C-alpha atoms as a PDB file:
ATOM      1  CA  MET A   1      -2.967 -72.326  31.530  1.00  0.00           C
ATOM      2  CA  THR A   2       0.441 -71.113  30.517  1.00  0.00           C
ATOM      3  CA  ARG A   3       2.247 -67.978  31.690  1.00  0.00           C
ATOM      4  CA  TYR A   4       3.429 -65.547  29.071  1.00  0.00           C
ATOM      5  CA  LEU A   5       5.783 -62.786  28.909  1.00  0.00           C
ATOM      6  CA  ILE A   6       4.892 -59.487  27.130  1.00  0.00           C
ATOM      7  CA  SER A   7       7.464 -56.965  26.820  1.00  0.00           C
ATOM      8  CA  PHE A   8       8.886 -54.406  25.011  1.00  0.00           C
ATOM      9  CA  ASP A   9      12.612 -52.557  24.761  1.00  0.00           C
ATOM     10  CA  ASP A  10      13.437 -49.630  26.485  1.00  0.00           C
ATOM     11  CA  GLY A  11      13.014 -46.552  24.420  1.00  0.00           C
ATOM     12  CA  ALA A  12      10.345 -48.232  22.045  1.00  0.00           C
ATOM     13  CA  MET A  13       7.488 -45.944  23.447  1.00  0.00           C
ATOM     14  CA  THR A  14       8.009 -42.962  21.101  1.00  0.00           C
ATOM     15  CA  PHE A  15       5.150 -40.573  21.278  1.00  0.00           C
ATOM     16  CA  PRO A  16       4.986 -36.897  21.870  1.00  0.00           C
ATOM     17  CA  GLU A  17       4.918 -36.158  25.417  1.00  0.00           C
ATOM     18  CA  GLU A  18       1.608 -34.325  25.426  1.00  0.00           C
ATOM     19  CA  ASP A  19       0.174 -38.047  24.696  1.00  0.00           C
ATOM     20  CA  LEU A  20       1.566 -39.529  27.525  1.00  0.00           C
ATOM     21  CA  ARG A  21      -1.812 -39.441  29.622  1.00  0.00           C
ATOM     22  CA  ASP A  22      -3.195 -40.776  26.818  1.00  0.00           C
ATOM     23  CA  VAL A  23      -0.951 -43.551  26.415  1.00  0.00           C
ATOM     24  CA  THR A  24      -1.073 -44.412  30.331  1.00  0.00           C
ATOM     25  CA  ASP A  25      -4.679 -44.450  30.362  1.00  0.00           C
ATOM     26  CA  ALA A  26      -4.716 -46.954  27.483  1.00  0.00           C
ATOM     27  CA  ALA A  27      -2.433 -49.321  29.410  1.00  0.00           C
ATOM     28  CA  HIS A  28      -3.926 -48.955  32.600  1.00  0.00           C
ATOM     29  CA  ALA A  29      -7.531 -49.693  30.825  1.00  0.00           C
ATOM     30  CA  MET A  30      -5.795 -52.633  28.907  1.00  0.00           C
ATOM     31  CA  MET A  31      -4.532 -54.028  32.682  1.00  0.00           C
ATOM     32  CA  HIS A  32      -8.024 -53.802  34.059  1.00  0.00           C
ATOM     33  CA  GLU A  33      -9.505 -55.893  30.638  1.00  0.00           C
ATOM     34  CA  ALA A  34      -6.560 -58.472  31.499  1.00  0.00           C
ATOM     35  CA  LYS A  35      -7.377 -58.436  35.373  1.00  0.00           C
ATOM     36  CA  GLU A  36     -11.301 -58.561  34.928  1.00  0.00           C
ATOM     37  CA  ALA A  37     -10.774 -61.232  32.396  1.00  0.00           C
ATOM     38  CA  GLY A  38      -8.552 -63.587  35.171  1.00  0.00           C
ATOM     39  CA  VAL A  39      -5.606 -63.691  32.962  1.00  0.00           C
ATOM     40  CA  TRP A  40      -3.273 -60.811  34.677  1.00  0.00           C
ATOM     41  CA  VAL A  41      -0.421 -62.134  36.610  1.00  0.00           C
ATOM     42  CA  PHE A  42       1.896 -59.114  37.036  1.00  0.00           C
ATOM     43  CA  GLY A  43       3.447 -56.466  34.943  1.00  0.00           C
ATOM     44  CA  GLY A  44       5.298 -52.797  34.878  1.00  0.00           C
ATOM     45  CA  GLY A  45       7.757 -50.646  33.529  1.00  0.00           C
ATOM     46  CA  LEU A  46      11.371 -50.645  34.364  1.00  0.00           C
ATOM     47  CA  THR A  47      13.906 -47.976  35.455  1.00  0.00           C
ATOM     48  CA  ALA A  48      16.513 -46.753  32.971  1.00  0.00           C
ATOM     49  CA  PRO A  49      19.396 -49.089  32.060  1.00  0.00           C
ATOM     50  CA  GLU A  50      21.605 -46.945  33.547  1.00  0.00           C
ATOM     51  CA  GLU A  51      20.150 -47.537  37.043  1.00  0.00           C
ATOM     52  CA  ALA A  52      20.792 -51.260  36.896  1.00  0.00           C
ATOM     53  CA  SER A  53      23.432 -53.455  38.346  1.00  0.00           C
ATOM     54  CA  VAL A  54      24.829 -56.420  37.836  1.00  0.00           C
ATOM     55  CA  VAL A  55      25.961 -59.079  40.386  1.00  0.00           C
ATOM     56  CA  GLY A  56      28.246 -61.344  39.619  1.00  0.00           C
ATOM     57  CA  THR A  57      28.386 -65.233  40.710  1.00  0.00           C
ATOM     58  CA  ASP A  58      30.925 -64.156  43.345  1.00  0.00           C
ATOM     59  CA  GLY A  59      28.716 -61.509  44.846  1.00  0.00           C
ATOM     60  CA  THR A  60      30.659 -58.647  43.183  1.00  0.00           C
ATOM     61  CA  VAL A  61      28.476 -55.726  42.210  1.00  0.00           C
ATOM     62  CA  ASN A  62      28.662 -53.391  38.869  1.00  0.00           C
ATOM     63  CA  ASP A  63      26.566 -50.683  38.095  1.00  0.00           C
ATOM     64  CA  GLY A  64      25.031 -50.337  34.968  1.00  0.00           C
ATOM     65  CA  THR A  65      23.493 -53.347  32.599  1.00  0.00           C
ATOM     66  CA  TYR A  66      25.687 -55.866  30.969  1.00  0.00           C
ATOM     67  CA  SER A  67      28.238 -53.795  28.871  1.00  0.00           C
ATOM     68  CA  GLU A  68      27.878 -55.815  25.535  1.00  0.00           C
ATOM     69  CA  SER A  69      23.892 -55.428  25.648  1.00  0.00           C
ATOM     70  CA  LYS A  70      22.562 -53.321  22.768  1.00  0.00           C
ATOM     71  CA  GLN A  71      18.672 -53.589  23.823  1.00  0.00           C
ATOM     72  CA  TYR A  72      17.227 -53.385  27.188  1.00  0.00           C
ATOM     73  CA  LEU A  73      13.832 -54.322  28.901  1.00  0.00           C
ATOM     74  CA  GLY A  74      11.671 -51.592  29.149  1.00  0.00           C
ATOM     75  CA  GLY A  75       8.564 -52.711  30.542  1.00  0.00           C
ATOM     76  CA  PHE A  76       6.461 -56.200  30.651  1.00  0.00           C
ATOM     77  CA  SER A  77       3.049 -58.081  31.176  1.00  0.00           C
ATOM     78  CA  ILE A  78       3.107 -61.506  32.546  1.00  0.00           C
ATOM     79  CA  VAL A  79      -0.441 -63.230  31.494  1.00  0.00           C
ATOM     80  CA  ASP A  80      -1.771 -66.551  32.210  1.00  0.00           C
ATOM     81  CA  VAL A  81      -3.442 -67.812  29.201  1.00  0.00           C
ATOM     82  CA  PRO A  82      -4.891 -71.407  27.799  1.00  0.00           C
ATOM     83  CA  SER A  83      -2.650 -70.687  24.253  1.00  0.00           C
ATOM     84  CA  ARG A  84       0.350 -68.720  22.369  1.00  0.00           C
ATOM     85  CA  GLU A  85      -2.557 -67.297  20.444  1.00  0.00           C
ATOM     86  CA  GLU A  86      -4.230 -65.838  23.320  1.00  0.00           C
ATOM     87  CA  ALA A  87      -0.992 -64.356  24.876  1.00  0.00           C
ATOM     88  CA  VAL A  88      -0.549 -62.928  20.879  1.00  0.00           C
ATOM     89  CA  LYS A  89      -4.054 -61.207  21.319  1.00  0.00           C
ATOM     90  CA  TRP A  90      -3.424 -59.715  24.568  1.00  0.00           C
ATOM     91  CA  ALA A  91       0.029 -58.241  23.036  1.00  0.00           C
ATOM     92  CA  ALA A  92      -1.837 -56.714  20.352  1.00  0.00           C
ATOM     93  CA  LYS A  93      -3.704 -54.944  23.100  1.00  0.00           C
ATOM     94  CA  THR A  94      -0.782 -53.968  24.952  1.00  0.00           C
ATOM     95  CA  ALA A  95       1.024 -52.832  21.636  1.00  0.00           C
ATOM     96  CA  ALA A  96      -2.132 -50.555  20.634  1.00  0.00           C
ATOM     97  CA  ALA A  97      -2.504 -49.437  24.203  1.00  0.00           C
ATOM     98  CA  CYS A  98       1.370 -48.520  24.499  1.00  0.00           C
ATOM     99  CA  ARG A  99       2.072 -47.864  20.813  1.00  0.00           C
ATOM    100  CA  CYS A 100       4.699 -50.058  20.386  1.00  0.00           C
ATOM    101  CA  ALA A 101       5.680 -53.528  19.244  1.00  0.00           C
ATOM    102  CA  GLN A 102       5.702 -55.975  21.939  1.00  0.00           C
ATOM    103  CA  GLU A 103       7.427 -59.524  22.137  1.00  0.00           C
ATOM    104  CA  VAL A 104       5.632 -62.496  23.282  1.00  0.00           C
ATOM    105  CA  ARG A 105       7.491 -65.594  24.847  1.00  0.00           C
ATOM    106  CA  GLU A 106       6.702 -68.529  26.843  1.00  0.00           C
ATOM    107  CA  ILE A 107       7.708 -68.736  30.170  1.00  0.00           C
ATOM    108  CA  LEU A 108       9.069 -72.413  30.654  1.00  0.00           C
ATOM    109  CA  HIS A 109       7.482 -74.753  33.142  1.00  0.00           C
ATOM    110  CA  ASP A 110       9.248 -75.804  36.325  1.00  0.00           C
ATOM    111  CA  PRO A 111       9.140 -79.238  36.214  1.00  0.00           C
ATOM    112  CA  LEU A 112       9.930 -79.332  40.300  1.00  0.00           C
ATOM    113  CA  VAL A 113       7.083 -77.298  40.857  1.00  0.00           C
END
């Protein structure tokens, strides 16, 4: 099995405020489906980029994200599936539930583990 990151950009979820409950319910249903299928590893939404901190190699902490960044991660799921095609199927379910496009990226295997 291979782990994949399914993610979306901050601000990508654009829908009317009154649809929030429906989107939340759909996202939770998709997550429960993935858990029941045994592919769910972990996932969640992230706070706003303004709440981030960047910690330098010397330990210096700067509030906010990298100044040169234009896009920020808004949320993610990690699934453990047998193929990229299977990860794309879960990303499609996530996209439908969250009403926004999802990016799929393989998490590289650590050769020391």
